[in-house]
Amino acid sequence: MKTFTVTVDPALEQIMGRYFELVREDLATAGRAMAAGDAEGVRMVGHRLKGNGTSYGFPRLTELGAAMEQAALQGDLPGAAASADEVREFIDAVRVVYGKDNAG
């Protein structure tokens, strides 16, 4: 898998590991919601990602969360699942460095 680098605010270094754990937990929650046909549960996960991705230095997660949320609002669980897969691929491939320039 090809990795890429995102520069994140050094103030987030202490909590970045936990942030990624929470994103993975949210993806598991979304997966269970999708399996149950629970579009609202999927929407809530997408909404959280949309709301916090940029705050943690990852505007791409904000975009993917918004896409997941929108798909769930439209009842498009396969589309939401595709966005969730992209989130998983992103967090598996990203290499975080800490510095002043945020190229996220």
C-alpha atoms as a PDB file:
ATOM      1  CA  MET A   1       0.000   0.000   0.000  1.00  0.00           C
ATOM      2  CA  LYS A   2       1.321   3.405  -0.944  1.00  0.00           C
ATOM      3  CA  THR A   3       1.600   5.849   1.939  1.00  0.00           C
ATOM      4  CA  PHE A   4       1.401   9.614   1.890  1.00  0.00           C
ATOM      5  CA  THR A   5       2.337  12.284   4.385  1.00  0.00           C
ATOM      6  CA  VAL A   6       0.130  14.863   6.063  1.00  0.00           C
ATOM      7  CA  THR A   7       1.599  17.610   8.235  1.00  0.00           C
ATOM      8  CA  VAL A   8      -0.463  18.205  11.372  1.00  0.00           C
ATOM      9  CA  ASP A   9      -0.300  20.775  14.152  1.00  0.00           C
ATOM     10  CA  PRO A  10       2.239  19.594  16.768  1.00  0.00           C
ATOM     11  CA  ALA A  11      -0.306  20.327  19.508  1.00  0.00           C
ATOM     12  CA  LEU A  12      -2.261  17.267  18.319  1.00  0.00           C
ATOM     13  CA  GLU A  13       0.603  14.796  18.602  1.00  0.00           C
ATOM     14  CA  GLN A  14      -0.406  13.521  22.052  1.00  0.00           C
ATOM     15  CA  ILE A  15      -3.950  12.667  20.939  1.00  0.00           C
ATOM     16  CA  MET A  16      -3.474  11.580  17.322  1.00  0.00           C
ATOM     17  CA  GLY A  17      -3.242   7.863  18.127  1.00  0.00           C
ATOM     18  CA  ARG A  18      -6.516   7.992  20.026  1.00  0.00           C
ATOM     19  CA  TYR A  19      -8.144   9.984  17.228  1.00  0.00           C
ATOM     20  CA  PHE A  20      -7.344   7.218  14.738  1.00  0.00           C
ATOM     21  CA  GLU A  21      -8.656   4.613  17.205  1.00  0.00           C
ATOM     22  CA  LEU A  22     -11.933   6.529  17.425  1.00  0.00           C
ATOM     23  CA  VAL A  23     -12.199   6.763  13.639  1.00  0.00           C
ATOM     24  CA  ARG A  24     -11.727   2.992  13.406  1.00  0.00           C
ATOM     25  CA  GLU A  25     -14.380   2.483  16.096  1.00  0.00           C
ATOM     26  CA  ASP A  26     -16.719   4.753  14.132  1.00  0.00           C
ATOM     27  CA  LEU A  27     -16.080   2.709  10.990  1.00  0.00           C
ATOM     28  CA  ALA A  28     -16.985  -0.467  12.874  1.00  0.00           C
ATOM     29  CA  THR A  29     -20.161   1.248  14.122  1.00  0.00           C
ATOM     30  CA  ALA A  30     -21.001   2.299  10.571  1.00  0.00           C
ATOM     31  CA  GLY A  31     -20.420  -1.253   9.352  1.00  0.00           C
ATOM     32  CA  ARG A  32     -22.838  -2.647  11.924  1.00  0.00           C
ATOM     33  CA  ALA A  33     -25.373   0.045  11.038  1.00  0.00           C
ATOM     34  CA  MET A  34     -25.044  -0.759   7.332  1.00  0.00           C
ATOM     35  CA  ALA A  35     -25.531  -4.459   8.007  1.00  0.00           C
ATOM     36  CA  ALA A  36     -28.708  -3.614   9.921  1.00  0.00           C
ATOM     37  CA  GLY A  37     -29.963  -1.244   7.222  1.00  0.00           C
ATOM     38  CA  ASP A  38     -29.702   1.643   9.681  1.00  0.00           C
ATOM     39  CA  ALA A  39     -29.106   4.664   7.447  1.00  0.00           C
ATOM     40  CA  GLU A  40     -29.436   7.051  10.400  1.00  0.00           C
ATOM     41  CA  GLY A  41     -26.638   5.294  12.284  1.00  0.00           C
ATOM     42  CA  VAL A  42     -24.439   5.534   9.200  1.00  0.00           C
ATOM     43  CA  ARG A  43     -25.374   9.195   8.764  1.00  0.00           C
ATOM     44  CA  MET A  44     -24.313   9.970  12.325  1.00  0.00           C
ATOM     45  CA  VAL A  45     -20.866   8.439  11.763  1.00  0.00           C
ATOM     46  CA  GLY A  46     -20.454  10.389   8.541  1.00  0.00           C
ATOM     47  CA  HIS A  47     -21.529  13.547  10.319  1.00  0.00           C
ATOM     48  CA  ARG A  48     -18.904  13.045  13.042  1.00  0.00           C
ATOM     49  CA  LEU A  49     -16.166  12.503  10.477  1.00  0.00           C
ATOM     50  CA  LYS A  50     -17.298  15.550   8.554  1.00  0.00           C
ATOM     51  CA  GLY A  51     -17.217  17.601  11.726  1.00  0.00           C
ATOM     52  CA  ASN A  52     -13.821  16.610  13.048  1.00  0.00           C
ATOM     53  CA  GLY A  53     -11.615  15.686  10.088  1.00  0.00           C
ATOM     54  CA  THR A  54     -10.405  19.193   9.317  1.00  0.00           C
ATOM     55  CA  SER A  55     -10.068  20.018  13.022  1.00  0.00           C
ATOM     56  CA  TYR A  56      -7.498  17.246  13.301  1.00  0.00           C
ATOM     57  CA  GLY A  57      -5.714  18.302  10.123  1.00  0.00           C
ATOM     58  CA  PHE A  58      -7.413  15.969   7.652  1.00  0.00           C
ATOM     59  CA  PRO A  59      -9.746  17.824   5.297  1.00  0.00           C
ATOM     60  CA  ARG A  60      -9.992  14.643   3.211  1.00  0.00           C
ATOM     61  CA  LEU A  61     -11.719  12.920   6.134  1.00  0.00           C
ATOM     62  CA  THR A  62     -14.153  15.832   6.280  1.00  0.00           C
ATOM     63  CA  GLU A  63     -14.922  15.329   2.572  1.00  0.00           C
ATOM     64  CA  LEU A  64     -15.370  11.584   2.963  1.00  0.00           C
ATOM     65  CA  GLY A  65     -17.535  12.027   6.055  1.00  0.00           C
ATOM     66  CA  ALA A  66     -19.743  14.472   4.162  1.00  0.00           C
ATOM     67  CA  ALA A  67     -20.067  11.988   1.291  1.00  0.00           C
ATOM     68  CA  MET A  68     -20.955   9.203   3.742  1.00  0.00           C
ATOM     69  CA  GLU A  69     -23.513  11.398   5.469  1.00  0.00           C
ATOM     70  CA  GLN A  70     -25.097  12.485   2.181  1.00  0.00           C
ATOM     71  CA  ALA A  71     -25.282   8.928   0.865  1.00  0.00           C
ATOM     72  CA  ALA A  72     -26.948   7.771   4.080  1.00  0.00           C
ATOM     73  CA  LEU A  73     -29.449  10.634   3.917  1.00  0.00           C
ATOM     74  CA  GLN A  74     -30.384   9.416   0.436  1.00  0.00           C
ATOM     75  CA  GLY A  75     -30.673   5.824   1.644  1.00  0.00           C
ATOM     76  CA  ASP A  76     -27.657   4.846  -0.461  1.00  0.00           C
ATOM     77  CA  LEU A  77     -25.931   2.454   1.929  1.00  0.00           C
ATOM     78  CA  PRO A  78     -23.633   1.024  -0.791  1.00  0.00           C
ATOM     79  CA  GLY A  79     -22.460   4.577  -1.525  1.00  0.00           C
ATOM     80  CA  ALA A  80     -21.923   5.192   2.176  1.00  0.00           C
ATOM     81  CA  ALA A  81     -19.985   1.922   2.401  1.00  0.00           C
ATOM     82  CA  ALA A  82     -17.737   3.061  -0.461  1.00  0.00           C
ATOM     83  CA  SER A  83     -16.979   6.286   1.430  1.00  0.00           C
ATOM     84  CA  ALA A  84     -16.296   4.304   4.612  1.00  0.00           C
ATOM     85  CA  ASP A  85     -13.867   2.122   2.651  1.00  0.00           C
ATOM     86  CA  GLU A  86     -12.075   5.267   1.456  1.00  0.00           C
ATOM     87  CA  VAL A  87     -11.822   6.492   5.059  1.00  0.00           C
ATOM     88  CA  ARG A  88     -10.279   3.170   6.075  1.00  0.00           C
ATOM     89  CA  GLU A  89      -7.817   3.314   3.184  1.00  0.00           C
ATOM     90  CA  PHE A  90      -6.910   6.890   4.091  1.00  0.00           C
ATOM     91  CA  ILE A  91      -6.153   6.196   7.735  1.00  0.00           C
ATOM     92  CA  ASP A  92      -4.234   3.036   6.849  1.00  0.00           C
ATOM     93  CA  ALA A  93      -2.060   4.895   4.332  1.00  0.00           C
ATOM     94  CA  VAL A  94      -1.467   8.266   5.995  1.00  0.00           C
ATOM     95  CA  ARG A  95       1.846   9.060   7.658  1.00  0.00           C
ATOM     96  CA  VAL A  96       1.494  11.951  10.068  1.00  0.00           C
ATOM     97  CA  VAL A  97       4.298  14.421  10.667  1.00  0.00           C
ATOM     98  CA  TYR A  98       4.035  17.309  13.064  1.00  0.00           C
ATOM     99  CA  GLY A  99       4.882  20.816  12.003  1.00  0.00           C
ATOM    100  CA  LYS A 100       3.521  24.232  11.100  1.00  0.00           C
ATOM    101  CA  ASP A 101       2.512  23.575   7.498  1.00  0.00           C
ATOM    102  CA  ASN A 102      -0.721  21.631   7.174  1.00  0.00           C
ATOM    103  CA  ALA A 103      -0.783  20.059   3.746  1.00  0.00           C
ATOM    104  CA  GLY A 104      -3.697  17.716   4.764  1.00  0.00           C
END
